């Protein structure tokens, strides 16, 4: 089963060095690698000091992905 995960990023107006990650759709095993890649990219960027996840438009999150 393949599910859809859409994501976008934007810079926050305040505080500086904050990235907002907007997640839409579903998170499960079929897109886990995509999400891990996104997180790794964000965490390796030394210019980003804060990450805010906007998840209010997620329809589903498989709890095994969180752990």
PDB file of N, CA and C in Angstrom:
ATOM      1  N   UNK A   1       0.847  -1.181   0.000  1.00  0.00           N
ATOM      2  CA  UNK A   1       0.000   0.000   0.000  1.00  0.00           C
ATOM      3  C   UNK A   1       0.893   1.245   0.000  1.00  0.00           C
ATOM      4  N   UNK A   2       0.609   2.154  -0.869  1.00  0.00           N
ATOM      5  CA  UNK A   2       1.358   3.399  -0.946  1.00  0.00           C
ATOM      6  C   UNK A   2       0.457   4.547  -0.528  1.00  0.00           C
ATOM      7  N   UNK A   3       0.958   5.356   0.360  1.00  0.00           N
ATOM      8  CA  UNK A   3       0.190   6.502   0.823  1.00  0.00           C
ATOM      9  C   UNK A   3       0.912   7.771   0.439  1.00  0.00           C
ATOM     10  N   UNK A   4       0.219   8.855   0.567  1.00  0.00           N
ATOM     11  CA  UNK A   4       0.762  10.134   0.145  1.00  0.00           C
ATOM     12  C   UNK A   4       1.167  10.973   1.341  1.00  0.00           C
ATOM     13  N   UNK A   5       2.359  11.501   1.268  1.00  0.00           N
ATOM     14  CA  UNK A   5       2.846  12.464   2.242  1.00  0.00           C
ATOM     15  C   UNK A   5       3.356  13.652   1.462  1.00  0.00           C
ATOM     16  N   UNK A   6       2.803  14.813   1.734  1.00  0.00           N
ATOM     17  CA  UNK A   6       3.307  16.035   1.134  1.00  0.00           C
ATOM     18  C   UNK A   6       3.944  16.863   2.231  1.00  0.00           C
ATOM     19  N   UNK A   7       5.027  17.529   1.872  1.00  0.00           N
ATOM     20  CA  UNK A   7       5.667  18.400   2.847  1.00  0.00           C
ATOM     21  C   UNK A   7       6.189  19.635   2.145  1.00  0.00           C
ATOM     22  N   UNK A   8       6.224  20.698   2.898  1.00  0.00           N
ATOM     23  CA  UNK A   8       6.828  21.934   2.420  1.00  0.00           C
ATOM     24  C   UNK A   8       7.504  22.585   3.610  1.00  0.00           C
ATOM     25  N   UNK A   9       8.410  23.501   3.307  1.00  0.00           N
ATOM     26  CA  UNK A   9       9.124  24.192   4.376  1.00  0.00           C
ATOM     27  C   UNK A   9       9.099  25.679   4.109  1.00  0.00           C
ATOM     28  N   UNK A  10       9.100  26.413   5.176  1.00  0.00           N
ATOM     29  CA  UNK A  10       9.191  27.862   5.068  1.00  0.00           C
ATOM     30  C   UNK A  10       9.967  28.396   6.256  1.00  0.00           C
ATOM     31  N   UNK A  11      10.545  29.558   6.067  1.00  0.00           N
ATOM     32  CA  UNK A  11      11.255  30.211   7.157  1.00  0.00           C
ATOM     33  C   UNK A  11      10.252  30.956   8.019  1.00  0.00           C
ATOM     34  N   UNK A  12      10.428  30.856   9.308  1.00  0.00           N
ATOM     35  CA  UNK A  12       9.558  31.583  10.234  1.00  0.00           C
ATOM     36  C   UNK A  12       9.982  33.041  10.277  1.00  0.00           C
ATOM     37  N   UNK A  13       9.024  33.903  10.506  1.00  0.00           N
ATOM     38  CA  UNK A  13       9.359  35.323  10.615  1.00  0.00           C
ATOM     39  C   UNK A  13      10.079  35.623  11.925  1.00  0.00           C
ATOM     40  N   UNK A  14       9.811  34.831  12.942  1.00  0.00           N
ATOM     41  CA  UNK A  14      10.467  35.009  14.225  1.00  0.00           C
ATOM     42  C   UNK A  14      10.331  33.708  15.010  1.00  0.00           C
ATOM     43  N   UNK A  15      11.272  33.237  15.721  1.00  0.00           N
ATOM     44  CA  UNK A  15      12.632  33.747  15.798  1.00  0.00           C
ATOM     45  C   UNK A  15      13.430  33.355  14.563  1.00  0.00           C
ATOM     46  N   UNK A  16      14.525  34.052  14.383  1.00  0.00           N
ATOM     47  CA  UNK A  16      15.406  33.766  13.248  1.00  0.00           C
ATOM     48  C   UNK A  16      15.938  32.343  13.366  1.00  0.00           C
ATOM     49  N   UNK A  17      16.366  31.790  12.265  1.00  0.00           N
ATOM     50  CA  UNK A  17      16.952  30.446  12.200  1.00  0.00           C
ATOM     51  C   UNK A  17      15.932  29.360  12.539  1.00  0.00           C
ATOM     52  N   UNK A  18      14.656  29.646  12.283  1.00  0.00           N
ATOM     53  CA  UNK A  18      13.594  28.679  12.532  1.00  0.00           C
ATOM     54  C   UNK A  18      13.007  28.238  11.207  1.00  0.00           C
ATOM     55  N   UNK A  19      12.864  26.925  11.042  1.00  0.00           N
ATOM     56  CA  UNK A  19      12.266  26.358   9.845  1.00  0.00           C
ATOM     57  C   UNK A  19      10.938  25.732  10.240  1.00  0.00           C
ATOM     58  N   UNK A  20       9.890  26.024   9.485  1.00  0.00           N
ATOM     59  CA  UNK A  20       8.576  25.425   9.696  1.00  0.00           C
ATOM     60  C   UNK A  20       8.392  24.328   8.662  1.00  0.00           C
ATOM     61  N   UNK A  21       8.109  23.124   9.119  1.00  0.00           N
ATOM     62  CA  UNK A  21       7.882  21.986   8.237  1.00  0.00           C
ATOM     63  C   UNK A  21       6.394  21.682   8.272  1.00  0.00           C
ATOM     64  N   UNK A  22       5.751  21.781   7.130  1.00  0.00           N
ATOM     65  CA  UNK A  22       4.311  21.564   7.022  1.00  0.00           C
ATOM     66  C   UNK A  22       4.092  20.174   6.426  1.00  0.00           C
ATOM     67  N   UNK A  23       3.437  19.304   7.184  1.00  0.00           N
ATOM     68  CA  UNK A  23       3.190  17.937   6.743  1.00  0.00           C
ATOM     69  C   UNK A  23       1.706  17.747   6.471  1.00  0.00           C
ATOM     70  N   UNK A  24       1.398  17.131   5.338  1.00  0.00           N
ATOM     71  CA  UNK A  24       0.012  16.854   4.941  1.00  0.00           C
ATOM     72  C   UNK A  24      -0.085  15.407   4.468  1.00  0.00           C
ATOM     73  N   UNK A  25      -1.228  14.801   4.665  1.00  0.00           N
ATOM     74  CA  UNK A  25      -1.446  13.448   4.146  1.00  0.00           C
ATOM     75  C   UNK A  25      -1.328  12.406   5.228  1.00  0.00           C
ATOM     76  N   UNK A  26      -0.548  11.352   4.927  1.00  0.00           N
ATOM     77  CA  UNK A  26      -0.416  10.216   5.831  1.00  0.00           C
ATOM     78  C   UNK A  26       1.052   9.850   6.005  1.00  0.00           C
ATOM     79  N   UNK A  27       1.390   9.397   7.208  1.00  0.00           N
ATOM     80  CA  UNK A  27       2.737   8.912   7.494  1.00  0.00           C
ATOM     81  C   UNK A  27       2.620   7.445   7.883  1.00  0.00           C
ATOM     82  N   UNK A  28       3.285   6.583   7.105  1.00  0.00           N
ATOM     83  CA  UNK A  28       3.331   5.162   7.421  1.00  0.00           C
ATOM     84  C   UNK A  28       4.615   4.562   6.845  1.00  0.00           C
ATOM     85  N   UNK A  29       4.701   3.245   6.837  1.00  0.00           N
ATOM     86  CA  UNK A  29       5.922   2.566   6.400  1.00  0.00           C
ATOM     87  C   UNK A  29       6.297   2.891   4.959  1.00  0.00           C
ATOM     88  N   UNK A  30       5.325   3.193   4.113  1.00  0.00           N
ATOM     89  CA  UNK A  30       5.619   3.414   2.697  1.00  0.00           C
ATOM     90  C   UNK A  30       6.368   4.719   2.435  1.00  0.00           C
ATOM     91  N   UNK A  31       6.303   5.660   3.363  1.00  0.00           N
ATOM     92  CA  UNK A  31       7.016   6.925   3.164  1.00  0.00           C
ATOM     93  C   UNK A  31       7.962   7.248   4.329  1.00  0.00           C
ATOM     94  N   UNK A  32       8.264   6.255   5.124  1.00  0.00           N
ATOM     95  CA  UNK A  32       9.166   6.446   6.266  1.00  0.00           C
ATOM     96  C   UNK A  32      10.539   6.916   5.817  1.00  0.00           C
ATOM     97  N   UNK A  33      11.095   6.331   4.757  1.00  0.00           N
ATOM     98  CA  UNK A  33      12.431   6.709   4.288  1.00  0.00           C
ATOM     99  C   UNK A  33      12.449   8.166   3.826  1.00  0.00           C
ATOM    100  N   UNK A  34      11.397   8.593   3.175  1.00  0.00           N
ATOM    101  CA  UNK A  34      11.297   9.991   2.725  1.00  0.00           C
ATOM    102  C   UNK A  34      11.319  10.940   3.920  1.00  0.00           C
ATOM    103  N   UNK A  35      10.579  10.591   4.953  1.00  0.00           N
ATOM    104  CA  UNK A  35      10.507  11.425   6.149  1.00  0.00           C
ATOM    105  C   UNK A  35      11.849  11.437   6.879  1.00  0.00           C
ATOM    106  N   UNK A  36      12.491  10.282   6.987  1.00  0.00           N
ATOM    107  CA  UNK A  36      13.802  10.215   7.634  1.00  0.00           C
ATOM    108  C   UNK A  36      14.825  11.058   6.879  1.00  0.00           C
ATOM    109  N   UNK A  37      14.770  11.036   5.565  1.00  0.00           N
ATOM    110  CA  UNK A  37      15.676  11.843   4.753  1.00  0.00           C
ATOM    111  C   UNK A  37      15.452  13.331   4.997  1.00  0.00           C
ATOM    112  N   UNK A  38      14.200  13.734   5.062  1.00  0.00           N
ATOM    113  CA  UNK A  38      13.860  15.131   5.345  1.00  0.00           C
ATOM    114  C   UNK A  38      14.397  15.544   6.710  1.00  0.00           C
ATOM    115  N   UNK A  39      14.175  14.712   7.727  1.00  0.00           N
ATOM    116  CA  UNK A  39      14.647  15.029   9.072  1.00  0.00           C
ATOM    117  C   UNK A  39      16.174  15.113   9.119  1.00  0.00           C
ATOM    118  N   UNK A  40      16.846  14.185   8.469  1.00  0.00           N
ATOM    119  CA  UNK A  40      18.313  14.205   8.452  1.00  0.00           C
ATOM    120  C   UNK A  40      18.839  15.477   7.818  1.00  0.00           C
ATOM    121  N   UNK A  41      18.216  15.878   6.725  1.00  0.00           N
ATOM    122  CA  UNK A  41      18.625  17.113   6.042  1.00  0.00           C
ATOM    123  C   UNK A  41      18.473  18.322   6.966  1.00  0.00           C
ATOM    124  N   UNK A  42      17.341  18.390   7.651  1.00  0.00           N
ATOM    125  CA  UNK A  42      17.103  19.514   8.558  1.00  0.00           C
ATOM    126  C   UNK A  42      18.089  19.513   9.720  1.00  0.00           C
ATOM    127  N   UNK A  43      18.322  18.351  10.304  1.00  0.00           N
ATOM    128  CA  UNK A  43      19.188  18.262  11.482  1.00  0.00           C
ATOM    129  C   UNK A  43      20.656  18.491  11.152  1.00  0.00           C
ATOM    130  N   UNK A  44      21.046  18.256   9.908  1.00  0.00           N
ATOM    131  CA  UNK A  44      22.445  18.461   9.540  1.00  0.00           C
ATOM    132  C   UNK A  44      22.742  19.894   9.102  1.00  0.00           C
ATOM    133  N   UNK A  45      21.715  20.708   8.956  1.00  0.00           N
ATOM    134  CA  UNK A  45      21.896  22.104   8.543  1.00  0.00           C
ATOM    135  C   UNK A  45      22.175  22.952   9.784  1.00  0.00           C
ATOM    136  N   UNK A  46      23.421  23.365   9.952  1.00  0.00           N
ATOM    137  CA  UNK A  46      23.808  24.095  11.162  1.00  0.00           C
ATOM    138  C   UNK A  46      23.200  25.493  11.243  1.00  0.00           C
ATOM    139  N   UNK A  47      22.633  25.992  10.144  1.00  0.00           N
ATOM    140  CA  UNK A  47      22.009  27.317  10.190  1.00  0.00           C
ATOM    141  C   UNK A  47      20.605  27.271  10.798  1.00  0.00           C
ATOM    142  N   UNK A  48      20.048  26.071  10.910  1.00  0.00           N
ATOM    143  CA  UNK A  48      18.710  25.911  11.498  1.00  0.00           C
ATOM    144  C   UNK A  48      18.856  25.628  12.982  1.00  0.00           C
ATOM    145  N   UNK A  49      18.283  26.477  13.797  1.00  0.00           N
ATOM    146  CA  UNK A  49      18.366  26.315  15.255  1.00  0.00           C
ATOM    147  C   UNK A  49      17.068  25.778  15.854  1.00  0.00           C
ATOM    148  N   UNK A  50      15.945  26.021  15.168  1.00  0.00           N
ATOM    149  CA  UNK A  50      14.632  25.588  15.654  1.00  0.00           C
ATOM    150  C   UNK A  50      13.855  24.980  14.497  1.00  0.00           C
ATOM    151  N   UNK A  51      13.128  23.898  14.790  1.00  0.00           N
ATOM    152  CA  UNK A  51      12.266  23.272  13.795  1.00  0.00           C
ATOM    153  C   UNK A  51      10.876  23.156  14.397  1.00  0.00           C
ATOM    154  N   UNK A  52       9.888  23.668  13.664  1.00  0.00           N
ATOM    155  CA  UNK A  52       8.485  23.602  14.085  1.00  0.00           C
ATOM    156  C   UNK A  52       7.757  22.718  13.076  1.00  0.00           C
ATOM    157  N   UNK A  53       7.038  21.726  13.563  1.00  0.00           N
ATOM    158  CA  UNK A  53       6.270  20.849  12.693  1.00  0.00           C
ATOM    159  C   UNK A  53       4.797  21.233  12.765  1.00  0.00           C
ATOM    160  N   UNK A  54       4.239  21.548  11.627  1.00  0.00           N
ATOM    161  CA  UNK A  54       2.796  21.828  11.542  1.00  0.00           C
ATOM    162  C   UNK A  54       2.140  20.553  11.016  1.00  0.00           C
ATOM    163  N   UNK A  55       1.399  19.865  11.873  1.00  0.00           N
ATOM    164  CA  UNK A  55       0.848  18.554  11.520  1.00  0.00           C
ATOM    165  C   UNK A  55      -0.679  18.527  11.537  1.00  0.00           C
ATOM    166  N   UNK A  56      -1.300  19.676  11.619  1.00  0.00           N
ATOM    167  CA  UNK A  56      -2.756  19.693  11.745  1.00  0.00           C
ATOM    168  C   UNK A  56      -3.472  19.155  10.503  1.00  0.00           C
ATOM    169  N   UNK A  57      -2.792  19.048   9.359  1.00  0.00           N
ATOM    170  CA  UNK A  57      -3.422  18.509   8.163  1.00  0.00           C
ATOM    171  C   UNK A  57      -3.037  17.060   7.880  1.00  0.00           C
ATOM    172  N   UNK A  58      -2.354  16.418   8.832  1.00  0.00           N
ATOM    173  CA  UNK A  58      -2.086  14.994   8.678  1.00  0.00           C
ATOM    174  C   UNK A  58      -3.375  14.226   8.937  1.00  0.00           C
ATOM    175  N   UNK A  59      -3.637  13.259   8.069  1.00  0.00           N
ATOM    176  CA  UNK A  59      -4.841  12.438   8.229  1.00  0.00           C
ATOM    177  C   UNK A  59      -4.570  11.181   9.044  1.00  0.00           C
ATOM    178  N   UNK A  60      -3.308  10.741   9.026  1.00  0.00           N
ATOM    179  CA  UNK A  60      -2.964   9.481   9.684  1.00  0.00           C
ATOM    180  C   UNK A  60      -1.476   9.464   9.999  1.00  0.00           C
ATOM    181  N   UNK A  61      -1.120   8.960  11.176  1.00  0.00           N
ATOM    182  CA  UNK A  61       0.271   8.704  11.549  1.00  0.00           C
ATOM    183  C   UNK A  61       0.327   7.313  12.153  1.00  0.00           C
ATOM    184  N   UNK A  62       1.116   6.427  11.551  1.00  0.00           N
ATOM    185  CA  UNK A  62       1.326   5.103  12.124  1.00  0.00           C
ATOM    186  C   UNK A  62       2.246   5.269  13.327  1.00  0.00           C
ATOM    187  N   UNK A  63       1.809   4.849  14.474  1.00  0.00           N
ATOM    188  CA  UNK A  63       2.566   5.080  15.706  1.00  0.00           C
ATOM    189  C   UNK A  63       3.916   4.383  15.711  1.00  0.00           C
ATOM    190  N   UNK A  64       4.096   3.327  14.922  1.00  0.00           N
ATOM    191  CA  UNK A  64       5.400   2.664  14.885  1.00  0.00           C
ATOM    192  C   UNK A  64       6.464   3.532  14.228  1.00  0.00           C
ATOM    193  N   UNK A  65       6.081   4.513  13.450  1.00  0.00           N
ATOM    194  CA  UNK A  65       7.019   5.412  12.792  1.00  0.00           C
ATOM    195  C   UNK A  65       7.584   6.432  13.795  1.00  0.00           C
ATOM    196  N   UNK A  66       6.813   6.789  14.789  1.00  0.00           N
ATOM    197  CA  UNK A  66       7.220   7.801  15.761  1.00  0.00           C
ATOM    198  C   UNK A  66       8.376   7.319  16.626  1.00  0.00           C
ATOM    199  N   UNK A  67       8.328   6.079  17.040  1.00  0.00           N
ATOM    200  CA  UNK A  67       9.308   5.523  17.979  1.00  0.00           C
ATOM    201  C   UNK A  67      10.619   5.320  17.365  1.00  0.00           C
TER     202      UNK A  67
END
